[in-house]
Amino acid sequence: MLPQSNAADDPRSVVQLRHTSMASESRLYTFSTETEEKLRKFRLGTSRANSPQAVVYQIDKHTLEIAQADDTIYSNVQELGDELPDHSPRFILLSYPLTLPSGRLSVPYVLLYYLPVTCNAEVRMLYAGAKELMRNTAEVGKVIEIAEAEDLETIEEKLGGAA
């Protein structure tokens, strides 16, 4: 008689659960073809940037489409902070050239998950549900959560740059 296998012990069930989760997530939130192309161009175009570059994305509450908030590409982190809303989350793609403590130059490409403490629970859940999909679709290396625009002032520290 063969020993009975518990579904939790079967690695295929974990893969199935992940696949189901990602599939349901991708059916809920959408990216237009134009948005996907913008994401790809931004990622490829910023890999050798000499100054910080950032774009802001938001979720349309009615259609659940994730799209660029406007066509602005921010090259100044302070300006970006000034433009962020006080009570609404945003996804920010950031390419930030910096010098590592070893002296080597690096251009990390990260997703800043801006989640102000003052936003309502419904909107928090909306963005929380889309975070991993945004991370995977944008192909970022890291997600950094920030709660207020002032957190952008210490972004170089969070990215591991030399002070």
C-alpha atoms as a PDB file:
ATOM      1  CA  MET A   1       0.000   0.000   0.000  1.00  0.00           C
ATOM      2  CA  LEU A   2       1.350   3.442  -0.953  1.00  0.00           C
ATOM      3  CA  PRO A   3       1.534   6.160   1.689  1.00  0.00           C
ATOM      4  CA  GLN A   4      -1.092   8.836   1.235  1.00  0.00           C
ATOM      5  CA  SER A   5       0.216  12.222   0.240  1.00  0.00           C
ATOM      6  CA  ASN A   6      -0.982  15.381   1.890  1.00  0.00           C
ATOM      7  CA  ALA A   7      -1.746  18.118  -0.682  1.00  0.00           C
ATOM      8  CA  ALA A   8       0.314  20.587   1.360  1.00  0.00           C
ATOM      9  CA  ASP A   9       3.357  18.322   0.959  1.00  0.00           C
ATOM     10  CA  ASP A  10       2.994  18.173  -2.819  1.00  0.00           C
ATOM     11  CA  PRO A  11       5.140  20.885  -4.494  1.00  0.00           C
ATOM     12  CA  ARG A  12       2.792  20.846  -7.489  1.00  0.00           C
ATOM     13  CA  SER A  13      -0.030  22.162  -5.293  1.00  0.00           C
ATOM     14  CA  VAL A  14       2.101  25.182  -4.316  1.00  0.00           C
ATOM     15  CA  VAL A  15       2.765  25.931  -7.975  1.00  0.00           C
ATOM     16  CA  GLN A  16      -0.938  25.547  -8.696  1.00  0.00           C
ATOM     17  CA  LEU A  17      -1.824  27.941  -5.857  1.00  0.00           C
ATOM     18  CA  ARG A  18       0.656  30.542  -7.109  1.00  0.00           C
ATOM     19  CA  HIS A  19      -0.632  30.174 -10.653  1.00  0.00           C
ATOM     20  CA  THR A  20      -4.248  30.524  -9.499  1.00  0.00           C
ATOM     21  CA  SER A  21      -3.390  33.606  -7.440  1.00  0.00           C
ATOM     22  CA  MET A  22      -1.530  35.290 -10.301  1.00  0.00           C
ATOM     23  CA  ALA A  23      -4.254  34.349 -12.786  1.00  0.00           C
ATOM     24  CA  SER A  24      -7.032  35.837 -10.663  1.00  0.00           C
ATOM     25  CA  GLU A  25      -4.925  38.925  -9.978  1.00  0.00           C
ATOM     26  CA  SER A  26      -4.281  39.459 -13.670  1.00  0.00           C
ATOM     27  CA  ARG A  27      -7.982  39.098 -14.507  1.00  0.00           C
ATOM     28  CA  LEU A  28      -8.917  41.745 -11.952  1.00  0.00           C
ATOM     29  CA  TYR A  29      -6.404  44.456 -12.906  1.00  0.00           C
ATOM     30  CA  THR A  30      -5.495  45.335 -16.477  1.00  0.00           C
ATOM     31  CA  PHE A  31      -2.783  47.122 -18.441  1.00  0.00           C
ATOM     32  CA  SER A  32      -3.510  48.510 -21.891  1.00  0.00           C
ATOM     33  CA  THR A  33      -1.115  47.566 -24.684  1.00  0.00           C
ATOM     34  CA  GLU A  34       0.005  51.208 -24.715  1.00  0.00           C
ATOM     35  CA  THR A  35       0.773  51.108 -20.968  1.00  0.00           C
ATOM     36  CA  GLU A  36       2.743  47.878 -21.300  1.00  0.00           C
ATOM     37  CA  GLU A  37       4.783  49.460 -24.109  1.00  0.00           C
ATOM     38  CA  LYS A  38       5.431  52.571 -21.971  1.00  0.00           C
ATOM     39  CA  LEU A  39       6.592  50.353 -19.095  1.00  0.00           C
ATOM     40  CA  ARG A  40       9.001  48.503 -21.377  1.00  0.00           C
ATOM     41  CA  LYS A  41      10.384  51.684 -22.964  1.00  0.00           C
ATOM     42  CA  PHE A  42      10.886  53.336 -19.585  1.00  0.00           C
ATOM     43  CA  ARG A  43      12.701  50.299 -18.183  1.00  0.00           C
ATOM     44  CA  LEU A  44      14.998  50.000 -21.191  1.00  0.00           C
ATOM     45  CA  GLY A  45      15.518  53.749 -21.589  1.00  0.00           C
ATOM     46  CA  THR A  46      16.580  54.401 -18.017  1.00  0.00           C
ATOM     47  CA  SER A  47      19.148  51.648 -17.575  1.00  0.00           C
ATOM     48  CA  ARG A  48      22.002  54.025 -18.444  1.00  0.00           C
ATOM     49  CA  ALA A  49      20.491  57.254 -17.123  1.00  0.00           C
ATOM     50  CA  ASN A  50      22.741  59.916 -15.591  1.00  0.00           C
ATOM     51  CA  SER A  51      20.027  61.442 -13.411  1.00  0.00           C
ATOM     52  CA  PRO A  52      17.053  60.044 -11.496  1.00  0.00           C
ATOM     53  CA  GLN A  53      13.984  59.336 -13.609  1.00  0.00           C
ATOM     54  CA  ALA A  54      10.536  58.490 -12.292  1.00  0.00           C
ATOM     55  CA  VAL A  55       7.030  57.955 -13.635  1.00  0.00           C
ATOM     56  CA  VAL A  56       3.842  57.717 -11.592  1.00  0.00           C
ATOM     57  CA  TYR A  57       1.138  55.087 -12.103  1.00  0.00           C
ATOM     58  CA  GLN A  58      -2.350  54.901 -10.643  1.00  0.00           C
ATOM     59  CA  ILE A  59      -5.325  52.554 -10.714  1.00  0.00           C
ATOM     60  CA  ASP A  60      -8.631  53.660 -12.182  1.00  0.00           C
ATOM     61  CA  LYS A  61     -11.147  52.654  -9.481  1.00  0.00           C
ATOM     62  CA  HIS A  62     -13.914  51.984 -12.011  1.00  0.00           C
ATOM     63  CA  THR A  63     -12.117  49.993 -14.721  1.00  0.00           C
ATOM     64  CA  LEU A  64      -9.262  48.678 -12.495  1.00  0.00           C
ATOM     65  CA  GLU A  65      -6.817  49.611 -15.244  1.00  0.00           C
ATOM     66  CA  ILE A  66      -3.297  50.504 -14.131  1.00  0.00           C
ATOM     67  CA  ALA A  67      -2.010  53.420 -16.194  1.00  0.00           C
ATOM     68  CA  GLN A  68       0.518  56.228 -16.099  1.00  0.00           C
ATOM     69  CA  ALA A  69      -0.949  59.160 -14.138  1.00  0.00           C
ATOM     70  CA  ASP A  70       0.359  61.671 -16.690  1.00  0.00           C
ATOM     71  CA  ASP A  71       3.110  61.844 -19.291  1.00  0.00           C
ATOM     72  CA  THR A  72       5.585  63.517 -16.942  1.00  0.00           C
ATOM     73  CA  ILE A  73       8.968  61.897 -16.420  1.00  0.00           C
ATOM     74  CA  TYR A  74      10.364  63.351 -13.218  1.00  0.00           C
ATOM     75  CA  SER A  75      14.114  63.916 -13.034  1.00  0.00           C
ATOM     76  CA  ASN A  76      14.018  65.603  -9.643  1.00  0.00           C
ATOM     77  CA  VAL A  77      12.927  63.598  -6.601  1.00  0.00           C
ATOM     78  CA  GLN A  78      11.823  66.781  -4.792  1.00  0.00           C
ATOM     79  CA  GLU A  79       9.475  67.712  -7.657  1.00  0.00           C
ATOM     80  CA  LEU A  80       8.091  64.183  -7.620  1.00  0.00           C
ATOM     81  CA  GLY A  81       7.378  64.478  -3.890  1.00  0.00           C
ATOM     82  CA  ASP A  82       5.587  67.786  -4.429  1.00  0.00           C
ATOM     83  CA  GLU A  83       3.274  66.191  -7.006  1.00  0.00           C
ATOM     84  CA  LEU A  84       2.227  63.147  -4.944  1.00  0.00           C
ATOM     85  CA  PRO A  85      -1.324  63.318  -3.553  1.00  0.00           C
ATOM     86  CA  ASP A  86      -1.729  63.437   0.235  1.00  0.00           C
ATOM     87  CA  HIS A  87      -4.536  60.864   0.505  1.00  0.00           C
ATOM     88  CA  SER A  88      -4.160  58.500  -2.446  1.00  0.00           C
ATOM     89  CA  PRO A  89      -1.649  55.700  -3.123  1.00  0.00           C
ATOM     90  CA  ARG A  90       0.505  55.565  -6.249  1.00  0.00           C
ATOM     91  CA  PHE A  91       3.008  53.250  -7.880  1.00  0.00           C
ATOM     92  CA  ILE A  92       6.219  55.046  -8.827  1.00  0.00           C
ATOM     93  CA  LEU A  93       8.803  53.514 -11.114  1.00  0.00           C
ATOM     94  CA  LEU A  94      12.199  54.956 -10.253  1.00  0.00           C
ATOM     95  CA  SER A  95      15.547  54.622 -11.953  1.00  0.00           C
ATOM     96  CA  TYR A  96      18.128  56.174  -9.649  1.00  0.00           C
ATOM     97  CA  PRO A  97      21.837  56.354 -10.576  1.00  0.00           C
ATOM     98  CA  LEU A  98      24.063  56.240  -7.510  1.00  0.00           C
ATOM     99  CA  THR A  99      27.546  55.398  -6.329  1.00  0.00           C
ATOM    100  CA  LEU A 100      27.738  52.360  -4.088  1.00  0.00           C
ATOM    101  CA  PRO A 101      29.979  52.363  -0.975  1.00  0.00           C
ATOM    102  CA  SER A 102      32.459  50.281  -3.023  1.00  0.00           C
ATOM    103  CA  GLY A 103      32.757  53.184  -5.487  1.00  0.00           C
ATOM    104  CA  ARG A 104      30.946  51.312  -8.256  1.00  0.00           C
ATOM    105  CA  LEU A 105      28.195  53.064 -10.218  1.00  0.00           C
ATOM    106  CA  SER A 106      24.755  51.467 -10.144  1.00  0.00           C
ATOM    107  CA  VAL A 107      21.347  52.345 -11.601  1.00  0.00           C
ATOM    108  CA  PRO A 108      18.727  50.460  -9.561  1.00  0.00           C
ATOM    109  CA  TYR A 109      15.265  50.212 -11.110  1.00  0.00           C
ATOM    110  CA  VAL A 110      12.680  49.976  -8.325  1.00  0.00           C
ATOM    111  CA  LEU A 111       8.983  50.291  -7.631  1.00  0.00           C
ATOM    112  CA  LEU A 112       8.111  52.802  -4.922  1.00  0.00           C
ATOM    113  CA  TYR A 113       4.821  51.793  -3.376  1.00  0.00           C
ATOM    114  CA  TYR A 114       3.477  55.102  -2.069  1.00  0.00           C
ATOM    115  CA  LEU A 115       0.804  54.379   0.535  1.00  0.00           C
ATOM    116  CA  PRO A 116      -0.082  57.423   2.675  1.00  0.00           C
ATOM    117  CA  VAL A 117      -1.424  56.624   6.144  1.00  0.00           C
ATOM    118  CA  THR A 118      -4.375  58.951   5.468  1.00  0.00           C
ATOM    119  CA  CYS A 119      -5.897  57.004   2.560  1.00  0.00           C
ATOM    120  CA  ASN A 120      -9.076  54.990   3.106  1.00  0.00           C
ATOM    121  CA  ALA A 121      -9.200  51.206   3.495  1.00  0.00           C
ATOM    122  CA  GLU A 122     -10.900  50.548   0.156  1.00  0.00           C
ATOM    123  CA  VAL A 123      -8.146  52.286  -1.806  1.00  0.00           C
ATOM    124  CA  ARG A 124      -5.448  50.617   0.329  1.00  0.00           C
ATOM    125  CA  MET A 125      -6.854  47.206  -0.593  1.00  0.00           C
ATOM    126  CA  LEU A 126      -7.116  48.166  -4.255  1.00  0.00           C
ATOM    127  CA  TYR A 127      -3.407  49.015  -4.441  1.00  0.00           C
ATOM    128  CA  ALA A 128      -2.304  46.155  -2.174  1.00  0.00           C
ATOM    129  CA  GLY A 129      -3.982  43.684  -4.520  1.00  0.00           C
ATOM    130  CA  ALA A 130      -2.175  45.109  -7.561  1.00  0.00           C
ATOM    131  CA  LYS A 131       1.300  45.536  -6.051  1.00  0.00           C
ATOM    132  CA  GLU A 132       2.769  42.191  -7.153  1.00  0.00           C
ATOM    133  CA  LEU A 133       1.221  42.433 -10.613  1.00  0.00           C
ATOM    134  CA  MET A 134       2.735  45.907 -11.028  1.00  0.00           C
ATOM    135  CA  ARG A 135       6.082  44.624  -9.760  1.00  0.00           C
ATOM    136  CA  ASN A 136       6.103  41.723 -12.218  1.00  0.00           C
ATOM    137  CA  THR A 137       4.770  43.663 -15.199  1.00  0.00           C
ATOM    138  CA  ALA A 138       7.250  46.515 -14.712  1.00  0.00           C
ATOM    139  CA  GLU A 139      10.081  44.010 -14.107  1.00  0.00           C
ATOM    140  CA  VAL A 140      11.561  45.970 -11.214  1.00  0.00           C
ATOM    141  CA  GLY A 141      14.293  44.595  -8.990  1.00  0.00           C
ATOM    142  CA  LYS A 142      12.881  45.769  -5.675  1.00  0.00           C
ATOM    143  CA  VAL A 143       9.765  47.266  -4.075  1.00  0.00           C
ATOM    144  CA  ILE A 144      10.225  50.031  -1.499  1.00  0.00           C
ATOM    145  CA  GLU A 145       7.217  51.133   0.518  1.00  0.00           C
ATOM    146  CA  ILE A 146       6.951  54.806   1.430  1.00  0.00           C
ATOM    147  CA  ALA A 147       4.228  56.441   3.516  1.00  0.00           C
ATOM    148  CA  GLU A 148       4.882  60.104   2.808  1.00  0.00           C
ATOM    149  CA  ALA A 149       6.548  62.247   0.163  1.00  0.00           C
ATOM    150  CA  GLU A 150       9.286  63.198   2.648  1.00  0.00           C
ATOM    151  CA  ASP A 151      10.487  59.557   2.533  1.00  0.00           C
ATOM    152  CA  LEU A 152      11.861  60.367  -0.933  1.00  0.00           C
ATOM    153  CA  GLU A 153      14.551  62.518   0.708  1.00  0.00           C
ATOM    154  CA  THR A 154      16.244  59.355   2.030  1.00  0.00           C
ATOM    155  CA  ILE A 155      15.736  57.230  -1.077  1.00  0.00           C
ATOM    156  CA  GLU A 156      19.468  56.999  -1.822  1.00  0.00           C
ATOM    157  CA  GLU A 157      20.020  55.428   1.624  1.00  0.00           C
ATOM    158  CA  LYS A 158      17.225  52.917   0.971  1.00  0.00           C
ATOM    159  CA  LEU A 159      18.822  52.020  -2.350  1.00  0.00           C
ATOM    160  CA  GLY A 160      22.203  51.425  -0.711  1.00  0.00           C
ATOM    161  CA  GLY A 161      24.145  54.382  -2.095  1.00  0.00           C
ATOM    162  CA  ALA A 162      27.123  56.080  -0.487  1.00  0.00           C
ATOM    163  CA  ALA A 163      26.160  59.041   1.665  1.00  0.00           C
END
